[in-house]
Amino acid sequence: MSEDRKMLEPMATVVSIALRVLLTLVTLGVVFRTVHGGWGDGGACITDDSTGVGIDSGYFFPEKGAQADAIPHYCAEAASTSLQFLDQLSTLPSDLLLIGGLFLLHRLLQGAARDGVYTAITASRFRLLGWWLLAGSLVAGLIESNAKAAVLAKLATNHDFTAASWLEMWSTPYLLILTGLGLLTFARITSAGAAMREDLEGVV
């Protein structure tokens, strides 16, 4: 499998290092917040991108013909536990999606280097990573947009938590969706290649 291992470099090494660095940073962050009592005593902030007003003041210096907009940014200094939870939920799913995606990619590359690229198990790992990115990006976006809308509804009197409010916070993850679909396609190609390889080995 040395040829397969060579084909996967330098991607396999880069992903392995990136995963280790990311997990180290996450671990250090958790330890730091635990030691310094940082859990549950912070604030909560949200930017209302749907609202913007043109302003003319001495704090902004647009070029002639350009206009500066003020976009409200709400913060609660003494946020309740539920509000802090919603604030964390507005970013946590994307972080978990990234960590999980790197882990599955690392597992895919290490497994392909060990077992071979054109094997059924490599195809199944391609498929798993593809579904993780495709479904995970949609679920993460849904959770985060709802959490952001809920935070905004608690901090701004002119906003309510409705279907329209979380749709305004929704951002379609086009790149992740296309990447997930691409990986599912590669899974089919790899599966077909594995079947052809088995047929050739049977003939030989």
N, C-alpha and C. Protein backbone atom coordinates (compact mmCIF):
# COMPACT_ATOMS: atom_id res chain seq x y z
N MET A 1 0.80 -1.21 0.00
CA MET A 1 0.00 0.00 0.00
C MET A 1 0.85 1.28 0.00
N SER A 2 2.17 1.12 -0.28
CA SER A 2 3.05 2.29 -0.23
C SER A 2 2.68 3.31 -1.29
N GLU A 3 2.24 2.83 -2.48
CA GLU A 3 1.84 3.77 -3.54
C GLU A 3 0.60 4.55 -3.13
N ASP A 4 -0.35 3.88 -2.50
CA ASP A 4 -1.54 4.58 -2.01
C ASP A 4 -1.17 5.61 -0.96
N ARG A 5 -0.22 5.25 -0.10
CA ARG A 5 0.21 6.18 0.95
C ARG A 5 0.85 7.42 0.33
N LYS A 6 1.65 7.24 -0.71
CA LYS A 6 2.30 8.37 -1.37
C LYS A 6 1.28 9.28 -2.04
N MET A 7 0.23 8.69 -2.61
CA MET A 7 -0.79 9.48 -3.29
C MET A 7 -1.54 10.40 -2.33
N LEU A 8 -1.63 10.00 -1.08
CA LEU A 8 -2.40 10.76 -0.10
C LEU A 8 -1.61 11.87 0.58
N GLU A 9 -0.31 11.95 0.29
CA GLU A 9 0.51 13.02 0.85
C GLU A 9 0.55 14.21 -0.10
N PRO A 10 0.69 15.46 0.42
CA PRO A 10 0.89 15.82 1.83
C PRO A 10 -0.41 16.02 2.61
N MET A 11 -1.57 15.70 1.97
CA MET A 11 -2.87 15.95 2.60
C MET A 11 -2.99 15.21 3.93
N ALA A 12 -2.57 13.95 3.97
CA ALA A 12 -2.72 13.16 5.18
C ALA A 12 -1.95 13.77 6.35
N THR A 13 -0.74 14.22 6.09
CA THR A 13 0.08 14.83 7.15
C THR A 13 -0.50 16.15 7.62
N VAL A 14 -0.95 16.99 6.67
CA VAL A 14 -1.52 18.29 7.02
C VAL A 14 -2.77 18.12 7.86
N VAL A 15 -3.66 17.21 7.48
CA VAL A 15 -4.90 16.98 8.23
C VAL A 15 -4.59 16.44 9.62
N SER A 16 -3.61 15.54 9.72
CA SER A 16 -3.24 14.97 11.01
C SER A 16 -2.72 16.05 11.96
N ILE A 17 -1.87 16.93 11.45
CA ILE A 17 -1.34 18.02 12.27
C ILE A 17 -2.45 18.99 12.67
N ALA A 18 -3.31 19.36 11.69
CA ALA A 18 -4.40 20.30 11.97
C ALA A 18 -5.34 19.75 13.03
N LEU A 19 -5.65 18.46 12.96
CA LEU A 19 -6.55 17.85 13.96
C LEU A 19 -5.92 17.88 15.35
N ARG A 20 -4.64 17.55 15.43
CA ARG A 20 -3.96 17.55 16.73
C ARG A 20 -3.90 18.96 17.33
N VAL A 21 -3.59 19.95 16.49
CA VAL A 21 -3.52 21.33 16.96
C VAL A 21 -4.89 21.80 17.44
N LEU A 22 -5.93 21.50 16.65
CA LEU A 22 -7.28 21.92 17.02
C LEU A 22 -7.74 21.29 18.33
N LEU A 23 -7.50 19.99 18.48
CA LEU A 23 -7.89 19.30 19.72
C LEU A 23 -7.11 19.82 20.92
N THR A 24 -5.84 20.17 20.70
CA THR A 24 -5.04 20.75 21.78
C THR A 24 -5.59 22.10 22.22
N LEU A 25 -5.96 22.94 21.24
CA LEU A 25 -6.51 24.25 21.55
C LEU A 25 -7.85 24.13 22.28
N VAL A 26 -8.69 23.20 21.82
CA VAL A 26 -9.98 23.00 22.47
C VAL A 26 -9.79 22.52 23.91
N THR A 27 -8.87 21.57 24.11
CA THR A 27 -8.60 21.06 25.45
C THR A 27 -8.08 22.16 26.37
N LEU A 28 -7.13 22.96 25.88
CA LEU A 28 -6.59 24.06 26.68
C LEU A 28 -7.68 25.08 27.02
N GLY A 29 -8.57 25.34 26.05
CA GLY A 29 -9.66 26.28 26.29
C GLY A 29 -10.61 25.79 27.37
N VAL A 30 -10.94 24.49 27.32
CA VAL A 30 -11.83 23.91 28.32
C VAL A 30 -11.18 23.94 29.70
N VAL A 31 -9.89 23.57 29.78
CA VAL A 31 -9.18 23.57 31.05
C VAL A 31 -9.09 24.99 31.61
N PHE A 32 -8.78 25.96 30.74
CA PHE A 32 -8.64 27.35 31.19
C PHE A 32 -9.95 27.87 31.76
N ARG A 33 -11.05 27.62 31.04
CA ARG A 33 -12.35 28.11 31.51
C ARG A 33 -12.79 27.41 32.79
N THR A 34 -12.44 26.13 32.91
CA THR A 34 -12.81 25.39 34.11
C THR A 34 -12.02 25.90 35.33
N VAL A 35 -10.71 26.09 35.15
CA VAL A 35 -9.86 26.53 36.25
C VAL A 35 -10.22 27.95 36.70
N HIS A 36 -10.50 28.82 35.73
CA HIS A 36 -10.78 30.21 36.05
C HIS A 36 -12.28 30.50 36.23
N GLY A 37 -13.07 29.45 36.29
CA GLY A 37 -14.50 29.63 36.56
C GLY A 37 -15.21 30.41 35.48
N GLY A 38 -14.85 30.16 34.23
CA GLY A 38 -15.43 30.93 33.13
C GLY A 38 -16.73 30.38 32.58
N TRP A 39 -17.22 29.28 33.16
CA TRP A 39 -18.46 28.69 32.65
C TRP A 39 -19.67 29.35 33.28
N GLY A 40 -20.55 29.89 32.44
CA GLY A 40 -21.82 30.39 32.92
C GLY A 40 -21.80 31.76 33.55
N ASP A 41 -20.72 32.54 33.37
CA ASP A 41 -20.72 33.87 33.97
C ASP A 41 -20.38 34.96 32.96
N GLY A 42 -20.51 34.65 31.69
CA GLY A 42 -20.19 35.63 30.66
C GLY A 42 -21.42 36.36 30.16
N GLY A 43 -21.22 37.20 29.17
CA GLY A 43 -22.33 37.93 28.58
C GLY A 43 -22.84 37.23 27.33
N ALA A 44 -23.74 37.88 26.65
CA ALA A 44 -24.29 37.36 25.41
C ALA A 44 -24.48 38.53 24.45
N CYS A 45 -24.02 38.36 23.22
CA CYS A 45 -24.08 39.44 22.24
C CYS A 45 -24.63 38.92 20.92
N ILE A 46 -25.27 39.79 20.18
CA ILE A 46 -25.82 39.45 18.87
C ILE A 46 -25.85 40.71 18.00
N THR A 47 -25.51 40.54 16.74
CA THR A 47 -25.58 41.64 15.78
C THR A 47 -26.82 41.47 14.92
N ASP A 48 -27.60 42.51 14.81
CA ASP A 48 -28.83 42.47 14.02
C ASP A 48 -28.51 42.93 12.59
N ASP A 49 -28.06 41.97 11.76
CA ASP A 49 -27.68 42.30 10.39
C ASP A 49 -28.87 42.71 9.53
N SER A 50 -30.07 42.40 9.99
CA SER A 50 -31.26 42.72 9.19
C SER A 50 -31.65 44.19 9.32
N THR A 51 -31.05 44.88 10.29
CA THR A 51 -31.38 46.29 10.53
C THR A 51 -30.15 47.16 10.33
N GLY A 52 -30.29 48.20 9.54
CA GLY A 52 -29.19 49.12 9.31
C GLY A 52 -29.72 50.48 8.90
N VAL A 53 -29.14 51.52 9.44
CA VAL A 53 -29.60 52.87 9.10
C VAL A 53 -28.40 53.69 8.65
N GLY A 54 -28.64 54.54 7.65
CA GLY A 54 -27.59 55.43 7.20
C GLY A 54 -27.33 56.52 8.22
N ILE A 55 -26.06 56.83 8.44
CA ILE A 55 -25.71 57.83 9.45
C ILE A 55 -24.73 58.83 8.87
N ASP A 56 -24.68 59.96 9.50
CA ASP A 56 -23.75 61.02 9.11
C ASP A 56 -23.19 61.63 10.39
N SER A 57 -22.01 61.18 10.80
CA SER A 57 -21.41 61.67 12.04
C SER A 57 -19.91 61.80 11.86
N GLY A 58 -19.27 62.30 12.88
CA GLY A 58 -17.83 62.49 12.81
C GLY A 58 -17.03 61.25 13.07
N TYR A 59 -17.71 60.12 13.31
CA TYR A 59 -16.99 58.88 13.61
C TYR A 59 -16.73 58.04 12.36
N PHE A 60 -17.41 58.33 11.29
CA PHE A 60 -17.25 57.57 10.05
C PHE A 60 -16.87 58.53 8.93
N PHE A 61 -16.02 58.07 8.04
CA PHE A 61 -15.50 58.94 7.00
C PHE A 61 -15.61 58.29 5.62
N PRO A 62 -16.84 58.15 5.11
CA PRO A 62 -17.02 57.56 3.79
C PRO A 62 -16.56 58.51 2.69
N GLU A 63 -16.16 57.94 1.56
CA GLU A 63 -15.79 58.74 0.41
C GLU A 63 -17.02 59.43 -0.15
N LYS A 64 -16.80 60.43 -0.95
CA LYS A 64 -17.91 61.15 -1.55
C LYS A 64 -18.74 60.19 -2.41
N GLY A 65 -20.03 60.22 -2.21
CA GLY A 65 -20.93 59.32 -2.94
C GLY A 65 -21.18 58.01 -2.21
N ALA A 66 -20.43 57.75 -1.12
CA ALA A 66 -20.63 56.53 -0.32
C ALA A 66 -21.39 56.88 0.96
N GLN A 67 -22.02 55.89 1.54
CA GLN A 67 -22.80 56.10 2.76
C GLN A 67 -22.41 55.07 3.81
N ALA A 68 -22.30 55.49 5.04
CA ALA A 68 -22.00 54.59 6.15
C ALA A 68 -23.30 54.18 6.83
N ASP A 69 -23.40 52.89 7.15
CA ASP A 69 -24.57 52.37 7.83
C ASP A 69 -24.22 51.97 9.26
N ALA A 70 -25.15 52.15 10.16
CA ALA A 70 -25.00 51.70 11.54
C ALA A 70 -25.85 50.46 11.73
N ILE A 71 -25.21 49.37 12.16
CA ILE A 71 -25.90 48.11 12.40
C ILE A 71 -25.89 47.83 13.90
N PRO A 72 -27.05 47.66 14.53
CA PRO A 72 -27.09 47.48 15.99
C PRO A 72 -26.43 46.18 16.45
N HIS A 73 -25.70 46.31 17.54
CA HIS A 73 -25.04 45.16 18.17
C HIS A 73 -25.46 45.14 19.64
N TYR A 74 -26.28 44.15 20.01
CA TYR A 74 -26.83 44.08 21.35
C TYR A 74 -25.98 43.16 22.24
N CYS A 75 -25.76 43.58 23.46
CA CYS A 75 -25.02 42.78 24.44
C CYS A 75 -25.71 42.83 25.79
N ALA A 76 -25.75 41.70 26.45
CA ALA A 76 -26.28 41.64 27.82
C ALA A 76 -25.12 41.34 28.75
N GLU A 77 -24.78 42.28 29.59
CA GLU A 77 -23.63 42.11 30.47
C GLU A 77 -23.89 41.04 31.53
N ALA A 78 -25.08 41.00 32.08
CA ALA A 78 -25.43 40.00 33.09
C ALA A 78 -26.49 39.08 32.50
N ALA A 79 -26.06 38.24 31.60
CA ALA A 79 -27.00 37.36 30.90
C ALA A 79 -27.40 36.19 31.78
N SER A 80 -28.65 35.77 31.63
CA SER A 80 -29.13 34.60 32.36
C SER A 80 -28.48 33.34 31.80
N THR A 81 -28.61 32.25 32.53
CA THR A 81 -28.03 30.98 32.10
C THR A 81 -28.62 30.53 30.76
N SER A 82 -29.92 30.69 30.61
CA SER A 82 -30.58 30.27 29.37
C SER A 82 -30.10 31.12 28.19
N LEU A 83 -29.90 32.42 28.43
CA LEU A 83 -29.44 33.30 27.36
C LEU A 83 -28.00 32.97 26.98
N GLN A 84 -27.17 32.66 27.97
CA GLN A 84 -25.79 32.26 27.67
C GLN A 84 -25.76 30.95 26.89
N PHE A 85 -26.66 30.03 27.25
CA PHE A 85 -26.74 28.76 26.53
C PHE A 85 -27.11 28.99 25.07
N LEU A 86 -28.09 29.85 24.83
CA LEU A 86 -28.48 30.16 23.45
C LEU A 86 -27.35 30.84 22.70
N ASP A 87 -26.60 31.71 23.39
CA ASP A 87 -25.47 32.38 22.77
C ASP A 87 -24.39 31.38 22.36
N GLN A 88 -24.10 30.42 23.24
CA GLN A 88 -23.12 29.38 22.91
C GLN A 88 -23.63 28.49 21.77
N LEU A 89 -24.94 28.26 21.76
CA LEU A 89 -25.54 27.40 20.74
C LEU A 89 -25.51 28.05 19.36
N SER A 90 -25.27 29.35 19.31
CA SER A 90 -25.23 30.05 18.02
C SER A 90 -23.92 29.83 17.28
N THR A 91 -22.92 29.23 17.93
CA THR A 91 -21.63 28.96 17.28
C THR A 91 -21.14 27.53 17.48
N LEU A 92 -21.59 26.88 18.55
CA LEU A 92 -21.09 25.55 18.90
C LEU A 92 -21.30 24.49 17.81
N PRO A 93 -22.47 24.41 17.15
CA PRO A 93 -22.65 23.38 16.12
C PRO A 93 -21.62 23.45 15.00
N SER A 94 -21.25 24.65 14.56
CA SER A 94 -20.24 24.78 13.51
C SER A 94 -18.88 24.29 13.99
N ASP A 95 -18.56 24.56 15.24
CA ASP A 95 -17.30 24.08 15.81
C ASP A 95 -17.27 22.55 15.85
N LEU A 96 -18.38 21.95 16.29
CA LEU A 96 -18.46 20.49 16.33
C LEU A 96 -18.42 19.89 14.93
N LEU A 97 -19.03 20.59 13.96
CA LEU A 97 -19.01 20.13 12.58
C LEU A 97 -17.58 20.12 12.06
N LEU A 98 -16.82 21.16 12.38
CA LEU A 98 -15.42 21.25 11.95
C LEU A 98 -14.57 20.15 12.57
N ILE A 99 -14.68 19.99 13.89
CA ILE A 99 -13.88 18.97 14.58
C ILE A 99 -14.23 17.57 14.09
N GLY A 100 -15.53 17.30 13.99
CA GLY A 100 -15.96 15.99 13.50
C GLY A 100 -15.53 15.74 12.07
N GLY A 101 -15.62 16.77 11.23
CA GLY A 101 -15.20 16.63 9.83
C GLY A 101 -13.71 16.34 9.72
N LEU A 102 -12.88 17.05 10.50
CA LEU A 102 -11.44 16.79 10.49
C LEU A 102 -11.13 15.38 10.99
N PHE A 103 -11.84 14.95 12.02
CA PHE A 103 -11.62 13.60 12.54
C PHE A 103 -11.95 12.54 11.49
N LEU A 104 -13.10 12.70 10.83
CA LEU A 104 -13.50 11.72 9.81
C LEU A 104 -12.57 11.75 8.61
N LEU A 105 -12.10 12.95 8.23
CA LEU A 105 -11.15 13.06 7.12
C LEU A 105 -9.83 12.40 7.48
N HIS A 106 -9.37 12.62 8.71
CA HIS A 106 -8.14 11.98 9.18
C HIS A 106 -8.29 10.46 9.16
N ARG A 107 -9.43 9.99 9.64
CA ARG A 107 -9.70 8.54 9.66
C ARG A 107 -9.75 7.98 8.24
N LEU A 108 -10.34 8.76 7.32
CA LEU A 108 -10.42 8.33 5.93
C LEU A 108 -9.03 8.21 5.31
N LEU A 109 -8.19 9.22 5.50
CA LEU A 109 -6.86 9.23 4.89
C LEU A 109 -5.96 8.16 5.51
N GLN A 110 -6.01 8.02 6.84
CA GLN A 110 -5.20 6.99 7.49
C GLN A 110 -5.64 5.60 7.06
N GLY A 111 -6.95 5.40 6.98
CA GLY A 111 -7.47 4.10 6.56
C GLY A 111 -7.13 3.78 5.12
N ALA A 112 -7.22 4.79 4.25
CA ALA A 112 -6.88 4.57 2.83
C ALA A 112 -5.41 4.26 2.66
N ALA A 113 -4.55 4.90 3.46
CA ALA A 113 -3.12 4.61 3.38
C ALA A 113 -2.82 3.20 3.86
N ARG A 114 -3.60 2.71 4.82
CA ARG A 114 -3.36 1.39 5.37
C ARG A 114 -4.04 0.29 4.54
N ASP A 115 -5.30 0.51 4.18
CA ASP A 115 -6.08 -0.54 3.52
C ASP A 115 -6.08 -0.43 1.99
N GLY A 116 -5.73 0.76 1.48
CA GLY A 116 -5.79 0.98 0.04
C GLY A 116 -6.88 1.96 -0.33
N VAL A 117 -6.66 2.70 -1.41
CA VAL A 117 -7.63 3.71 -1.82
C VAL A 117 -8.89 3.06 -2.40
N TYR A 118 -8.70 2.10 -3.31
CA TYR A 118 -9.86 1.49 -3.97
C TYR A 118 -10.29 0.24 -3.23
N THR A 119 -10.93 0.48 -2.08
CA THR A 119 -11.48 -0.61 -1.27
C THR A 119 -12.88 -0.22 -0.82
N ALA A 120 -13.65 -1.22 -0.45
CA ALA A 120 -15.03 -0.97 -0.03
C ALA A 120 -15.07 -0.15 1.25
N ILE A 121 -14.13 -0.39 2.17
CA ILE A 121 -14.15 0.35 3.44
C ILE A 121 -13.78 1.81 3.23
N THR A 122 -12.90 2.08 2.27
CA THR A 122 -12.57 3.48 1.96
C THR A 122 -13.78 4.18 1.35
N ALA A 123 -14.50 3.47 0.51
CA ALA A 123 -15.72 4.04 -0.08
C ALA A 123 -16.75 4.36 1.01
N SER A 124 -16.87 3.48 2.01
CA SER A 124 -17.82 3.73 3.09
C SER A 124 -17.37 4.93 3.93
N ARG A 125 -16.07 5.13 4.07
CA ARG A 125 -15.57 6.30 4.82
C ARG A 125 -15.79 7.59 4.04
N PHE A 126 -15.64 7.52 2.73
CA PHE A 126 -16.00 8.67 1.88
C PHE A 126 -17.47 9.03 2.08
N ARG A 127 -18.31 7.99 2.07
CA ARG A 127 -19.75 8.20 2.20
C ARG A 127 -20.11 8.81 3.56
N LEU A 128 -19.47 8.31 4.61
CA LEU A 128 -19.75 8.83 5.95
C LEU A 128 -19.35 10.31 6.06
N LEU A 129 -18.18 10.66 5.53
CA LEU A 129 -17.73 12.05 5.58
C LEU A 129 -18.64 12.94 4.74
N GLY A 130 -19.08 12.42 3.59
CA GLY A 130 -19.98 13.19 2.74
C GLY A 130 -21.30 13.50 3.43
N TRP A 131 -21.89 12.50 4.07
CA TRP A 131 -23.15 12.72 4.78
C TRP A 131 -22.96 13.61 6.00
N TRP A 132 -21.80 13.49 6.66
CA TRP A 132 -21.52 14.35 7.82
C TRP A 132 -21.54 15.81 7.40
N LEU A 133 -20.86 16.13 6.29
CA LEU A 133 -20.81 17.52 5.84
C LEU A 133 -22.14 17.98 5.27
N LEU A 134 -22.80 17.13 4.50
CA LEU A 134 -24.06 17.51 3.87
C LEU A 134 -25.17 17.71 4.90
N ALA A 135 -25.44 16.68 5.69
CA ALA A 135 -26.51 16.78 6.68
C ALA A 135 -26.09 17.65 7.86
N GLY A 136 -24.82 17.52 8.28
CA GLY A 136 -24.35 18.28 9.43
C GLY A 136 -24.38 19.78 9.21
N SER A 137 -24.02 20.22 8.00
CA SER A 137 -24.03 21.66 7.72
C SER A 137 -25.45 22.22 7.76
N LEU A 138 -26.41 21.45 7.28
CA LEU A 138 -27.80 21.91 7.31
C LEU A 138 -28.35 21.94 8.74
N VAL A 139 -28.05 20.89 9.52
CA VAL A 139 -28.51 20.83 10.90
C VAL A 139 -27.85 21.93 11.73
N ALA A 140 -26.53 22.11 11.56
CA ALA A 140 -25.81 23.16 12.29
C ALA A 140 -26.36 24.54 11.96
N GLY A 141 -26.61 24.78 10.67
CA GLY A 141 -27.16 26.07 10.26
C GLY A 141 -28.55 26.31 10.84
N LEU A 142 -29.36 25.25 10.89
CA LEU A 142 -30.71 25.37 11.44
C LEU A 142 -30.65 25.69 12.94
N ILE A 143 -29.81 24.98 13.67
CA ILE A 143 -29.69 25.21 15.12
C ILE A 143 -29.16 26.61 15.40
N GLU A 144 -28.12 27.01 14.68
CA GLU A 144 -27.50 28.30 14.94
C GLU A 144 -28.42 29.46 14.58
N SER A 145 -29.13 29.35 13.47
CA SER A 145 -30.03 30.43 13.08
C SER A 145 -31.17 30.58 14.09
N ASN A 146 -31.69 29.47 14.59
CA ASN A 146 -32.72 29.54 15.62
C ASN A 146 -32.19 30.14 16.92
N ALA A 147 -30.96 29.75 17.29
CA ALA A 147 -30.37 30.28 18.53
C ALA A 147 -30.13 31.78 18.40
N LYS A 148 -29.63 32.23 17.27
CA LYS A 148 -29.38 33.66 17.06
C LYS A 148 -30.69 34.45 17.10
N ALA A 149 -31.72 33.91 16.46
CA ALA A 149 -33.01 34.59 16.46
C ALA A 149 -33.59 34.66 17.87
N ALA A 150 -33.38 33.60 18.65
CA ALA A 150 -33.88 33.60 20.04
C ALA A 150 -33.13 34.61 20.90
N VAL A 151 -31.80 34.71 20.71
CA VAL A 151 -31.01 35.70 21.46
C VAL A 151 -31.44 37.11 21.09
N LEU A 152 -31.63 37.36 19.80
CA LEU A 152 -32.04 38.69 19.34
C LEU A 152 -33.42 39.05 19.90
N ALA A 153 -34.31 38.07 19.95
CA ALA A 153 -35.65 38.33 20.48
C ALA A 153 -35.61 38.69 21.96
N LYS A 154 -34.63 38.15 22.69
CA LYS A 154 -34.51 38.45 24.12
C LYS A 154 -33.83 39.80 24.37
N LEU A 155 -32.99 40.25 23.43
CA LEU A 155 -32.23 41.47 23.66
C LEU A 155 -32.79 42.70 22.95
N ALA A 156 -33.67 42.51 21.97
CA ALA A 156 -34.23 43.64 21.22
C ALA A 156 -35.75 43.62 21.33
N THR A 157 -36.32 44.75 21.70
CA THR A 157 -37.77 44.83 21.87
C THR A 157 -38.53 44.79 20.55
N ASN A 158 -37.85 45.13 19.44
CA ASN A 158 -38.53 45.17 18.15
C ASN A 158 -38.40 43.86 17.38
N HIS A 159 -37.97 42.80 18.04
CA HIS A 159 -37.84 41.49 17.39
C HIS A 159 -38.55 40.44 18.23
N ASP A 160 -39.25 39.56 17.54
CA ASP A 160 -39.88 38.40 18.17
C ASP A 160 -39.30 37.13 17.56
N PHE A 161 -39.37 36.05 18.31
CA PHE A 161 -38.86 34.78 17.81
C PHE A 161 -39.94 34.13 16.94
N THR A 162 -39.79 34.26 15.64
CA THR A 162 -40.75 33.71 14.68
C THR A 162 -39.99 32.98 13.58
N ALA A 163 -40.75 32.32 12.70
CA ALA A 163 -40.13 31.64 11.57
C ALA A 163 -39.39 32.63 10.67
N ALA A 164 -39.98 33.79 10.49
CA ALA A 164 -39.34 34.81 9.66
C ALA A 164 -38.03 35.30 10.28
N SER A 165 -37.98 35.39 11.61
CA SER A 165 -36.78 35.90 12.27
C SER A 165 -35.60 34.94 12.13
N TRP A 166 -35.85 33.62 12.26
CA TRP A 166 -34.72 32.71 12.13
C TRP A 166 -34.35 32.50 10.66
N LEU A 167 -35.30 32.69 9.75
CA LEU A 167 -34.96 32.62 8.33
C LEU A 167 -34.04 33.78 7.94
N GLU A 168 -34.22 34.94 8.59
CA GLU A 168 -33.33 36.07 8.33
C GLU A 168 -31.91 35.77 8.81
N MET A 169 -31.77 34.93 9.82
CA MET A 169 -30.46 34.57 10.34
C MET A 169 -29.83 33.40 9.58
N TRP A 170 -30.62 32.73 8.76
CA TRP A 170 -30.15 31.54 8.04
C TRP A 170 -29.17 31.92 6.94
N SER A 171 -28.09 31.20 6.86
CA SER A 171 -27.11 31.38 5.79
C SER A 171 -26.84 30.02 5.17
N THR A 172 -27.26 29.82 3.93
CA THR A 172 -27.13 28.51 3.29
C THR A 172 -25.66 28.14 3.08
N PRO A 173 -25.20 27.00 3.62
CA PRO A 173 -23.80 26.59 3.48
C PRO A 173 -23.53 25.93 2.13
N TYR A 174 -23.55 26.73 1.07
CA TYR A 174 -23.44 26.17 -0.29
C TYR A 174 -22.18 25.33 -0.47
N LEU A 175 -21.03 25.84 0.01
CA LEU A 175 -19.76 25.13 -0.20
C LEU A 175 -19.75 23.78 0.48
N LEU A 176 -20.24 23.72 1.73
CA LEU A 176 -20.27 22.46 2.45
C LEU A 176 -21.25 21.47 1.81
N ILE A 177 -22.36 21.98 1.31
CA ILE A 177 -23.32 21.11 0.63
C ILE A 177 -22.70 20.51 -0.63
N LEU A 178 -22.05 21.35 -1.42
CA LEU A 178 -21.41 20.87 -2.65
C LEU A 178 -20.26 19.91 -2.33
N THR A 179 -19.51 20.20 -1.27
CA THR A 179 -18.42 19.31 -0.87
C THR A 179 -18.97 17.96 -0.44
N GLY A 180 -20.06 17.97 0.34
CA GLY A 180 -20.68 16.73 0.77
C GLY A 180 -21.18 15.90 -0.42
N LEU A 181 -21.83 16.57 -1.37
CA LEU A 181 -22.30 15.88 -2.57
C LEU A 181 -21.14 15.32 -3.37
N GLY A 182 -20.05 16.10 -3.44
CA GLY A 182 -18.86 15.63 -4.15
C GLY A 182 -18.26 14.39 -3.51
N LEU A 183 -18.22 14.36 -2.18
CA LEU A 183 -17.68 13.20 -1.48
C LEU A 183 -18.57 11.97 -1.67
N LEU A 184 -19.88 12.17 -1.71
CA LEU A 184 -20.78 11.05 -1.98
C LEU A 184 -20.55 10.50 -3.39
N THR A 185 -20.26 11.40 -4.33
CA THR A 185 -19.93 10.95 -5.69
C THR A 185 -18.62 10.18 -5.70
N PHE A 186 -17.61 10.69 -4.98
CA PHE A 186 -16.33 9.98 -4.89
C PHE A 186 -16.51 8.62 -4.23
N ALA A 187 -17.45 8.52 -3.30
CA ALA A 187 -17.71 7.24 -2.66
C ALA A 187 -18.21 6.22 -3.69
N ARG A 188 -19.08 6.65 -4.59
CA ARG A 188 -19.57 5.75 -5.64
C ARG A 188 -18.45 5.36 -6.59
N ILE A 189 -17.60 6.34 -6.95
CA ILE A 189 -16.47 6.05 -7.85
C ILE A 189 -15.50 5.07 -7.20
N THR A 190 -15.20 5.30 -5.91
CA THR A 190 -14.28 4.43 -5.19
C THR A 190 -14.86 3.02 -5.04
N SER A 191 -16.16 2.95 -4.80
CA SER A 191 -16.82 1.65 -4.68
C SER A 191 -16.75 0.88 -6.00
N ALA A 192 -16.98 1.60 -7.11
CA ALA A 192 -16.88 0.96 -8.43
C ALA A 192 -15.45 0.52 -8.70
N GLY A 193 -14.47 1.36 -8.31
CA GLY A 193 -13.07 1.00 -8.49
C GLY A 193 -12.69 -0.21 -7.67
N ALA A 194 -13.23 -0.31 -6.46
CA ALA A 194 -12.96 -1.46 -5.60
C ALA A 194 -13.51 -2.74 -6.23
N ALA A 195 -14.71 -2.65 -6.80
CA ALA A 195 -15.32 -3.83 -7.45
C ALA A 195 -14.49 -4.26 -8.66
N MET A 196 -14.02 -3.29 -9.47
CA MET A 196 -13.18 -3.60 -10.62
C MET A 196 -11.86 -4.22 -10.18
N ARG A 197 -11.30 -3.72 -9.09
CA ARG A 197 -10.04 -4.25 -8.57
C ARG A 197 -10.20 -5.70 -8.13
N GLU A 198 -11.32 -5.99 -7.45
CA GLU A 198 -11.57 -7.37 -7.02
C GLU A 198 -11.75 -8.30 -8.22
N ASP A 199 -12.43 -7.79 -9.28
CA ASP A 199 -12.63 -8.61 -10.48
C ASP A 199 -11.29 -8.92 -11.14
N LEU A 200 -10.42 -7.89 -11.23
CA LEU A 200 -9.12 -8.08 -11.86
C LEU A 200 -8.26 -9.05 -11.06
N GLU A 201 -8.31 -8.92 -9.72
CA GLU A 201 -7.53 -9.84 -8.88
C GLU A 201 -8.05 -11.27 -9.02
N GLY A 202 -9.38 -11.40 -9.21
CA GLY A 202 -9.94 -12.72 -9.41
C GLY A 202 -9.51 -13.34 -10.73
N VAL A 203 -9.40 -12.50 -11.76
CA VAL A 203 -8.97 -12.99 -13.08
C VAL A 203 -7.52 -13.41 -13.04
N VAL A 204 -6.68 -12.57 -12.36
CA VAL A 204 -5.25 -12.87 -12.29
C VAL A 204 -5.02 -14.12 -11.41
